[in-house]
Amino acid sequence: MAENQELKTKIQGALSKIRPMLQADGGDIELIDVVGKVVKVKLTGACGCCPMSQMTLQMGVQRAIKEVVPEIERVEAV
């Protein structure tokens, strides 16, 4: 349980690095859960309905998280 909380803390740190870019475009991101090696996030605001959100998720969010927590396999929007 403590290991999962530590993982979530690291992921939150990675998200805080990219959050200003998302907020600059009127959006944001919220960590929902970590299930195994999959991070579940919710894109909110303008990011929730943006046609580029999938690219943002893969190229921005997933890359930032994997730099901090390399064992994560993928990031999914919920």
PDB file of N, CA and C in Angstrom:
ATOM      1  N   MET A   1       0.825  -1.193   0.000  1.00  0.00           N
ATOM      2  CA  MET A   1       0.000   0.000   0.000  1.00  0.00           C
ATOM      3  C   MET A   1       0.869   1.257   0.000  1.00  0.00           C
ATOM      4  N   ALA A   2       1.889   1.279   0.842  1.00  0.00           N
ATOM      5  CA  ALA A   2       2.785   2.432   0.906  1.00  0.00           C
ATOM      6  C   ALA A   2       3.540   2.596  -0.411  1.00  0.00           C
ATOM      7  N   GLU A   3       3.855   1.454  -1.055  1.00  0.00           N
ATOM      8  CA  GLU A   3       4.553   1.499  -2.337  1.00  0.00           C
ATOM      9  C   GLU A   3       3.685   2.189  -3.390  1.00  0.00           C
ATOM     10  N   ASN A   4       2.384   1.877  -3.398  1.00  0.00           N
ATOM     11  CA  ASN A   4       1.471   2.488  -4.348  1.00  0.00           C
ATOM     12  C   ASN A   4       1.357   3.997  -4.094  1.00  0.00           C
ATOM     13  N   GLN A   5       1.358   4.392  -2.824  1.00  0.00           N
ATOM     14  CA  GLN A   5       1.273   5.816  -2.494  1.00  0.00           C
ATOM     15  C   GLN A   5       2.542   6.540  -2.946  1.00  0.00           C
ATOM     16  N   GLU A   6       3.685   5.898  -2.774  1.00  0.00           N
ATOM     17  CA  GLU A   6       4.946   6.487  -3.223  1.00  0.00           C
ATOM     18  C   GLU A   6       4.950   6.647  -4.743  1.00  0.00           C
ATOM     19  N   LEU A   7       4.426   5.653  -5.441  1.00  0.00           N
ATOM     20  CA  LEU A   7       4.318   5.703  -6.894  1.00  0.00           C
ATOM     21  C   LEU A   7       3.421   6.865  -7.314  1.00  0.00           C
ATOM     22  N   LYS A   8       2.282   7.006  -6.655  1.00  0.00           N
ATOM     23  CA  LYS A   8       1.359   8.104  -6.964  1.00  0.00           C
ATOM     24  C   LYS A   8       2.007   9.457  -6.707  1.00  0.00           C
ATOM     25  N   THR A   9       2.805   9.555  -5.666  1.00  0.00           N
ATOM     26  CA  THR A   9       3.495  10.808  -5.354  1.00  0.00           C
ATOM     27  C   THR A   9       4.472  11.167  -6.463  1.00  0.00           C
ATOM     28  N   LYS A  10       5.214  10.172  -6.960  1.00  0.00           N
ATOM     29  CA  LYS A  10       6.156  10.410  -8.060  1.00  0.00           C
ATOM     30  C   LYS A  10       5.418  10.840  -9.325  1.00  0.00           C
ATOM     31  N   ILE A  11       4.291  10.184  -9.592  1.00  0.00           N
ATOM     32  CA  ILE A  11       3.504  10.506 -10.779  1.00  0.00           C
ATOM     33  C   ILE A  11       2.936  11.928 -10.659  1.00  0.00           C
ATOM     34  N   GLN A  12       2.457  12.285  -9.477  1.00  0.00           N
ATOM     35  CA  GLN A  12       1.944  13.651  -9.257  1.00  0.00           C
ATOM     36  C   GLN A  12       3.043  14.670  -9.536  1.00  0.00           C
ATOM     37  N   GLY A  13       4.274  14.357  -9.144  1.00  0.00           N
ATOM     38  CA  GLY A  13       5.405  15.240  -9.408  1.00  0.00           C
ATOM     39  C   GLY A  13       5.630  15.434 -10.897  1.00  0.00           C
ATOM     40  N   ALA A  14       5.536  14.333 -11.650  1.00  0.00           N
ATOM     41  CA  ALA A  14       5.698  14.416 -13.105  1.00  0.00           C
ATOM     42  C   ALA A  14       4.576  15.238 -13.729  1.00  0.00           C
ATOM     43  N   LEU A  15       3.358  15.041 -13.231  1.00  0.00           N
ATOM     44  CA  LEU A  15       2.221  15.793 -13.765  1.00  0.00           C
ATOM     45  C   LEU A  15       2.354  17.283 -13.464  1.00  0.00           C
ATOM     46  N   SER A  16       2.919  17.607 -12.312  1.00  0.00           N
ATOM     47  CA  SER A  16       3.063  19.015 -11.955  1.00  0.00           C
ATOM     48  C   SER A  16       4.027  19.737 -12.895  1.00  0.00           C
ATOM     49  N   LYS A  17       4.923  18.996 -13.526  1.00  0.00           N
ATOM     50  CA  LYS A  17       5.854  19.603 -14.477  1.00  0.00           C
ATOM     51  C   LYS A  17       5.180  19.963 -15.800  1.00  0.00           C
ATOM     52  N   ILE A  18       4.183  19.177 -16.203  1.00  0.00           N
ATOM     53  CA  ILE A  18       3.515  19.461 -17.475  1.00  0.00           C
ATOM     54  C   ILE A  18       2.203  20.218 -17.299  1.00  0.00           C
ATOM     55  N   ARG A  19       1.706  20.274 -16.082  1.00  0.00           N
ATOM     56  CA  ARG A  19       0.433  20.950 -15.807  1.00  0.00           C
ATOM     57  C   ARG A  19       0.404  22.404 -16.309  1.00  0.00           C
ATOM     58  N   PRO A  20       1.475  23.198 -16.112  1.00  0.00           N
ATOM     59  CA  PRO A  20       1.418  24.586 -16.602  1.00  0.00           C
ATOM     60  C   PRO A  20       1.165  24.700 -18.110  1.00  0.00           C
ATOM     61  N   MET A  21       1.696  23.764 -18.889  1.00  0.00           N
ATOM     62  CA  MET A  21       1.461  23.781 -20.338  1.00  0.00           C
ATOM     63  C   MET A  21      -0.009  23.499 -20.647  1.00  0.00           C
ATOM     64  N   LEU A  22      -0.595  22.557 -19.919  1.00  0.00           N
ATOM     65  CA  LEU A  22      -2.005  22.236 -20.127  1.00  0.00           C
ATOM     66  C   LEU A  22      -2.887  23.404 -19.691  1.00  0.00           C
ATOM     67  N   GLN A  23      -2.555  24.001 -18.563  1.00  0.00           N
ATOM     68  CA  GLN A  23      -3.341  25.117 -18.040  1.00  0.00           C
ATOM     69  C   GLN A  23      -3.248  26.333 -18.947  1.00  0.00           C
ATOM     70  N   ALA A  24      -2.116  26.510 -19.618  1.00  0.00           N
ATOM     71  CA  ALA A  24      -1.954  27.636 -20.549  1.00  0.00           C
ATOM     72  C   ALA A  24      -2.945  27.541 -21.704  1.00  0.00           C
ATOM     73  N   ASP A  25      -3.362  26.323 -22.027  1.00  0.00           N
ATOM     74  CA  ASP A  25      -4.339  26.110 -23.103  1.00  0.00           C
ATOM     75  C   ASP A  25      -5.759  25.932 -22.565  1.00  0.00           C
ATOM     76  N   GLY A  26      -5.963  26.207 -21.280  1.00  0.00           N
ATOM     77  CA  GLY A  26      -7.304  26.129 -20.701  1.00  0.00           C
ATOM     78  C   GLY A  26      -7.689  24.751 -20.201  1.00  0.00           C
ATOM     79  N   GLY A  27      -6.721  23.864 -20.023  1.00  0.00           N
ATOM     80  CA  GLY A  27      -7.025  22.514 -19.562  1.00  0.00           C
ATOM     81  C   GLY A  27      -6.279  22.182 -18.285  1.00  0.00           C
ATOM     82  N   ASP A  28      -6.387  20.933 -17.897  1.00  0.00           N
ATOM     83  CA  ASP A  28      -5.681  20.435 -16.721  1.00  0.00           C
ATOM     84  C   ASP A  28      -5.713  18.913 -16.768  1.00  0.00           C
ATOM     85  N   ILE A  29      -5.062  18.305 -15.791  1.00  0.00           N
ATOM     86  CA  ILE A  29      -5.007  16.842 -15.722  1.00  0.00           C
ATOM     87  C   ILE A  29      -5.137  16.419 -14.270  1.00  0.00           C
ATOM     88  N   GLU A  30      -5.795  15.309 -14.067  1.00  0.00           N
ATOM     89  CA  GLU A  30      -6.029  14.788 -12.718  1.00  0.00           C
ATOM     90  C   GLU A  30      -5.651  13.312 -12.689  1.00  0.00           C
ATOM     91  N   LEU A  31      -4.852  12.922 -11.709  1.00  0.00           N
ATOM     92  CA  LEU A  31      -4.502  11.512 -11.538  1.00  0.00           C
ATOM     93  C   LEU A  31      -5.690  10.803 -10.905  1.00  0.00           C
ATOM     94  N   ILE A  32      -6.184   9.779 -11.565  1.00  0.00           N
ATOM     95  CA  ILE A  32      -7.327   9.023 -11.059  1.00  0.00           C
ATOM     96  C   ILE A  32      -6.849   7.809 -10.273  1.00  0.00           C
ATOM     97  N   ASP A  33      -5.969   7.004 -10.871  1.00  0.00           N
ATOM     98  CA  ASP A  33      -5.522   5.785 -10.199  1.00  0.00           C
ATOM     99  C   ASP A  33      -4.290   5.224 -10.910  1.00  0.00           C
ATOM    100  N   VAL A  34      -3.633   4.316 -10.234  1.00  0.00           N
ATOM    101  CA  VAL A  34      -2.545   3.544 -10.825  1.00  0.00           C
ATOM    102  C   VAL A  34      -2.923   2.082 -10.627  1.00  0.00           C
ATOM    103  N   VAL A  35      -3.093   1.369 -11.736  1.00  0.00           N
ATOM    104  CA  VAL A  35      -3.481  -0.035 -11.690  1.00  0.00           C
ATOM    105  C   VAL A  35      -2.370  -0.836 -12.351  1.00  0.00           C
ATOM    106  N   GLY A  36      -1.624  -1.546 -11.532  1.00  0.00           N
ATOM    107  CA  GLY A  36      -0.477  -2.286 -12.060  1.00  0.00           C
ATOM    108  C   GLY A  36       0.530  -1.311 -12.639  1.00  0.00           C
ATOM    109  N   LYS A  37       0.762  -1.426 -13.940  1.00  0.00           N
ATOM    110  CA  LYS A  37       1.717  -0.547 -14.620  1.00  0.00           C
ATOM    111  C   LYS A  37       1.014   0.448 -15.535  1.00  0.00           C
ATOM    112  N   VAL A  38      -0.270   0.691 -15.263  1.00  0.00           N
ATOM    113  CA  VAL A  38      -1.078   1.603 -16.072  1.00  0.00           C
ATOM    114  C   VAL A  38      -1.532   2.770 -15.198  1.00  0.00           C
ATOM    115  N   VAL A  39      -1.288   3.984 -15.697  1.00  0.00           N
ATOM    116  CA  VAL A  39      -1.714   5.193 -14.990  1.00  0.00           C
ATOM    117  C   VAL A  39      -3.006   5.671 -15.638  1.00  0.00           C
ATOM    118  N   LYS A  40      -4.011   5.931 -14.821  1.00  0.00           N
ATOM    119  CA  LYS A  40      -5.296   6.419 -15.322  1.00  0.00           C
ATOM    120  C   LYS A  40      -5.427   7.884 -14.926  1.00  0.00           C
ATOM    121  N   VAL A  41      -5.646   8.725 -15.933  1.00  0.00           N
ATOM    122  CA  VAL A  41      -5.759  10.160 -15.708  1.00  0.00           C
ATOM    123  C   VAL A  41      -7.046  10.677 -16.346  1.00  0.00           C
ATOM    124  N   LYS A  42      -7.448  11.860 -15.901  1.00  0.00           N
ATOM    125  CA  LYS A  42      -8.603  12.524 -16.496  1.00  0.00           C
ATOM    126  C   LYS A  42      -8.142  13.882 -16.990  1.00  0.00           C
ATOM    127  N   LEU A  43      -8.321  14.112 -18.279  1.00  0.00           N
ATOM    128  CA  LEU A  43      -8.036  15.421 -18.858  1.00  0.00           C
ATOM    129  C   LEU A  43      -9.278  16.277 -18.658  1.00  0.00           C
ATOM    130  N   THR A  44      -9.097  17.473 -18.127  1.00  0.00           N
ATOM    131  CA  THR A  44     -10.234  18.333 -17.817  1.00  0.00           C
ATOM    132  C   THR A  44     -10.128  19.657 -18.563  1.00  0.00           C
ATOM    133  N   GLY A  45     -11.181  20.452 -18.471  1.00  0.00           N
ATOM    134  CA  GLY A  45     -11.213  21.743 -19.147  1.00  0.00           C
ATOM    135  C   GLY A  45     -11.128  21.560 -20.648  1.00  0.00           C
ATOM    136  N   ALA A  46     -10.389  22.439 -21.302  1.00  0.00           N
ATOM    137  CA  ALA A  46     -10.244  22.392 -22.758  1.00  0.00           C
ATOM    138  C   ALA A  46      -9.604  21.089 -23.220  1.00  0.00           C
ATOM    139  N   CYS A  47      -8.766  20.482 -22.381  1.00  0.00           N
ATOM    140  CA  CYS A  47      -8.086  19.236 -22.764  1.00  0.00           C
ATOM    141  C   CYS A  47      -9.064  18.071 -22.887  1.00  0.00           C
ATOM    142  N   GLY A  48     -10.164  18.123 -22.155  1.00  0.00           N
ATOM    143  CA  GLY A  48     -11.127  17.024 -22.160  1.00  0.00           C
ATOM    144  C   GLY A  48     -11.790  16.805 -23.503  1.00  0.00           C
ATOM    145  N   CYS A  49     -11.919  17.864 -24.300  1.00  0.00           N
ATOM    146  CA  CYS A  49     -12.613  17.744 -25.583  1.00  0.00           C
ATOM    147  C   CYS A  49     -11.728  18.118 -26.776  1.00  0.00           C
ATOM    148  N   CYS A  50     -10.445  18.300 -26.525  1.00  0.00           N
ATOM    149  CA  CYS A  50      -9.523  18.704 -27.594  1.00  0.00           C
ATOM    150  C   CYS A  50      -9.222  17.528 -28.515  1.00  0.00           C
ATOM    151  N   PRO A  51      -9.259  17.757 -29.832  1.00  0.00           N
ATOM    152  CA  PRO A  51      -8.937  16.671 -30.765  1.00  0.00           C
ATOM    153  C   PRO A  51      -7.477  16.207 -30.671  1.00  0.00           C
ATOM    154  N   MET A  52      -6.613  17.018 -30.092  1.00  0.00           N
ATOM    155  CA  MET A  52      -5.202  16.662 -29.950  1.00  0.00           C
ATOM    156  C   MET A  52      -4.911  15.998 -28.601  1.00  0.00           C
ATOM    157  N   SER A  53      -5.920  15.754 -27.809  1.00  0.00           N
ATOM    158  CA  SER A  53      -5.701  15.230 -26.456  1.00  0.00           C
ATOM    159  C   SER A  53      -4.992  13.878 -26.446  1.00  0.00           C
ATOM    160  N   GLN A  54      -5.252  13.030 -27.424  1.00  0.00           N
ATOM    161  CA  GLN A  54      -4.586  11.722 -27.456  1.00  0.00           C
ATOM    162  C   GLN A  54      -3.092  11.886 -27.684  1.00  0.00           C
ATOM    163  N   MET A  55      -2.722  12.831 -28.549  1.00  0.00           N
ATOM    164  CA  MET A  55      -1.302  13.088 -28.784  1.00  0.00           C
ATOM    165  C   MET A  55      -0.669  13.690 -27.525  1.00  0.00           C
ATOM    166  N   THR A  56      -1.373  14.594 -26.885  1.00  0.00           N
ATOM    167  CA  THR A  56      -0.882  15.187 -25.634  1.00  0.00           C
ATOM    168  C   THR A  56      -0.653  14.098 -24.606  1.00  0.00           C
ATOM    169  N   LEU A  57      -1.580  13.161 -24.528  1.00  0.00           N
ATOM    170  CA  LEU A  57      -1.488  12.069 -23.569  1.00  0.00           C
ATOM    171  C   LEU A  57      -0.253  11.213 -23.833  1.00  0.00           C
ATOM    172  N   GLN A  58      -0.021  10.862 -25.084  1.00  0.00           N
ATOM    173  CA  GLN A  58       1.090   9.978 -25.424  1.00  0.00           C
ATOM    174  C   GLN A  58       2.438  10.700 -25.415  1.00  0.00           C
ATOM    175  N   MET A  59       2.520  11.832 -26.088  1.00  0.00           N
ATOM    176  CA  MET A  59       3.808  12.515 -26.271  1.00  0.00           C
ATOM    177  C   MET A  59       4.193  13.386 -25.078  1.00  0.00           C
ATOM    178  N   GLY A  60       3.221  13.883 -24.370  1.00  0.00           N
ATOM    179  CA  GLY A  60       3.524  14.763 -23.242  1.00  0.00           C
ATOM    180  C   GLY A  60       3.413  14.067 -21.899  1.00  0.00           C
ATOM    181  N   VAL A  61       2.212  13.626 -21.576  1.00  0.00           N
ATOM    182  CA  VAL A  61       1.938  13.058 -20.259  1.00  0.00           C
ATOM    183  C   VAL A  61       2.687  11.753 -20.047  1.00  0.00           C
ATOM    184  N   GLN A  62       2.544  10.817 -20.980  1.00  0.00           N
ATOM    185  CA  GLN A  62       3.185   9.509 -20.827  1.00  0.00           C
ATOM    186  C   GLN A  62       4.703   9.643 -20.784  1.00  0.00           C
ATOM    187  N   ARG A  63       5.259  10.478 -21.629  1.00  0.00           N
ATOM    188  CA  ARG A  63       6.714  10.677 -21.652  1.00  0.00           C
ATOM    189  C   ARG A  63       7.198  11.249 -20.319  1.00  0.00           C
ATOM    190  N   ALA A  64       6.486  12.244 -19.791  1.00  0.00           N
ATOM    191  CA  ALA A  64       6.883  12.873 -18.520  1.00  0.00           C
ATOM    192  C   ALA A  64       6.820  11.872 -17.367  1.00  0.00           C
ATOM    193  N   ILE A  65       5.785  11.041 -17.354  1.00  0.00           N
ATOM    194  CA  ILE A  65       5.642  10.057 -16.278  1.00  0.00           C
ATOM    195  C   ILE A  65       6.730   8.989 -16.386  1.00  0.00           C
ATOM    196  N   LYS A  66       7.002   8.511 -17.599  1.00  0.00           N
ATOM    197  CA  LYS A  66       8.009   7.458 -17.779  1.00  0.00           C
ATOM    198  C   LYS A  66       9.418   7.933 -17.427  1.00  0.00           C
ATOM    199  N   GLU A  67       9.678   9.237 -17.544  1.00  0.00           N
ATOM    200  CA  GLU A  67      10.985   9.761 -17.144  1.00  0.00           C
ATOM    201  C   GLU A  67      11.188   9.596 -15.642  1.00  0.00           C
ATOM    202  N   VAL A  68      10.114   9.745 -14.883  1.00  0.00           N
ATOM    203  CA  VAL A  68      10.182   9.662 -13.421  1.00  0.00           C
ATOM    204  C   VAL A  68       9.965   8.233 -12.936  1.00  0.00           C
ATOM    205  N   VAL A  69       9.051   7.512 -13.589  1.00  0.00           N
ATOM    206  CA  VAL A  69       8.693   6.155 -13.186  1.00  0.00           C
ATOM    207  C   VAL A  69       8.761   5.258 -14.437  1.00  0.00           C
ATOM    208  N   PRO A  70       9.964   4.790 -14.789  1.00  0.00           N
ATOM    209  CA  PRO A  70      10.137   4.036 -16.039  1.00  0.00           C
ATOM    210  C   PRO A  70       9.364   2.722 -16.113  1.00  0.00           C
ATOM    211  N   GLU A  71       8.972   2.173 -14.982  1.00  0.00           N
ATOM    212  CA  GLU A  71       8.251   0.895 -15.024  1.00  0.00           C
ATOM    213  C   GLU A  71       6.800   1.033 -15.493  1.00  0.00           C
ATOM    214  N   ILE A  72       6.291   2.251 -15.593  1.00  0.00           N
ATOM    215  CA  ILE A  72       4.930   2.463 -16.093  1.00  0.00           C
ATOM    216  C   ILE A  72       4.915   2.104 -17.578  1.00  0.00           C
ATOM    217  N   GLU A  73       3.919   1.324 -17.980  1.00  0.00           N
ATOM    218  CA  GLU A  73       3.830   0.887 -19.375  1.00  0.00           C
ATOM    219  C   GLU A  73       3.020   1.849 -20.236  1.00  0.00           C
ATOM    220  N   ARG A  74       1.918   2.373 -19.682  1.00  0.00           N
ATOM    221  CA  ARG A  74       1.114   3.301 -20.486  1.00  0.00           C
ATOM    222  C   ARG A  74       0.246   4.196 -19.597  1.00  0.00           C
ATOM    223  N   VAL A  75      -0.267   5.228 -20.230  1.00  0.00           N
ATOM    224  CA  VAL A  75      -1.172   6.170 -19.574  1.00  0.00           C
ATOM    225  C   VAL A  75      -2.481   6.155 -20.347  1.00  0.00           C
ATOM    226  N   GLU A  76      -3.586   6.040 -19.628  1.00  0.00           N
ATOM    227  CA  GLU A  76      -4.908   5.998 -20.256  1.00  0.00           C
ATOM    228  C   GLU A  76      -5.767   7.129 -19.728  1.00  0.00           C
ATOM    229  N   ALA A  77      -6.563   7.694 -20.603  1.00  0.00           N
ATOM    230  CA  ALA A  77      -7.548   8.698 -20.186  1.00  0.00           C
ATOM    231  C   ALA A  77      -8.837   7.980 -19.805  1.00  0.00           C
ATOM    232  N   VAL A  78      -9.443   8.409 -18.720  1.00  0.00           N
ATOM    233  CA  VAL A  78     -10.718   7.805 -18.294  1.00  0.00           C
ATOM    234  C   VAL A  78     -11.807   8.842 -18.247  1.00  0.00           C
TER     235      VAL A  78
END
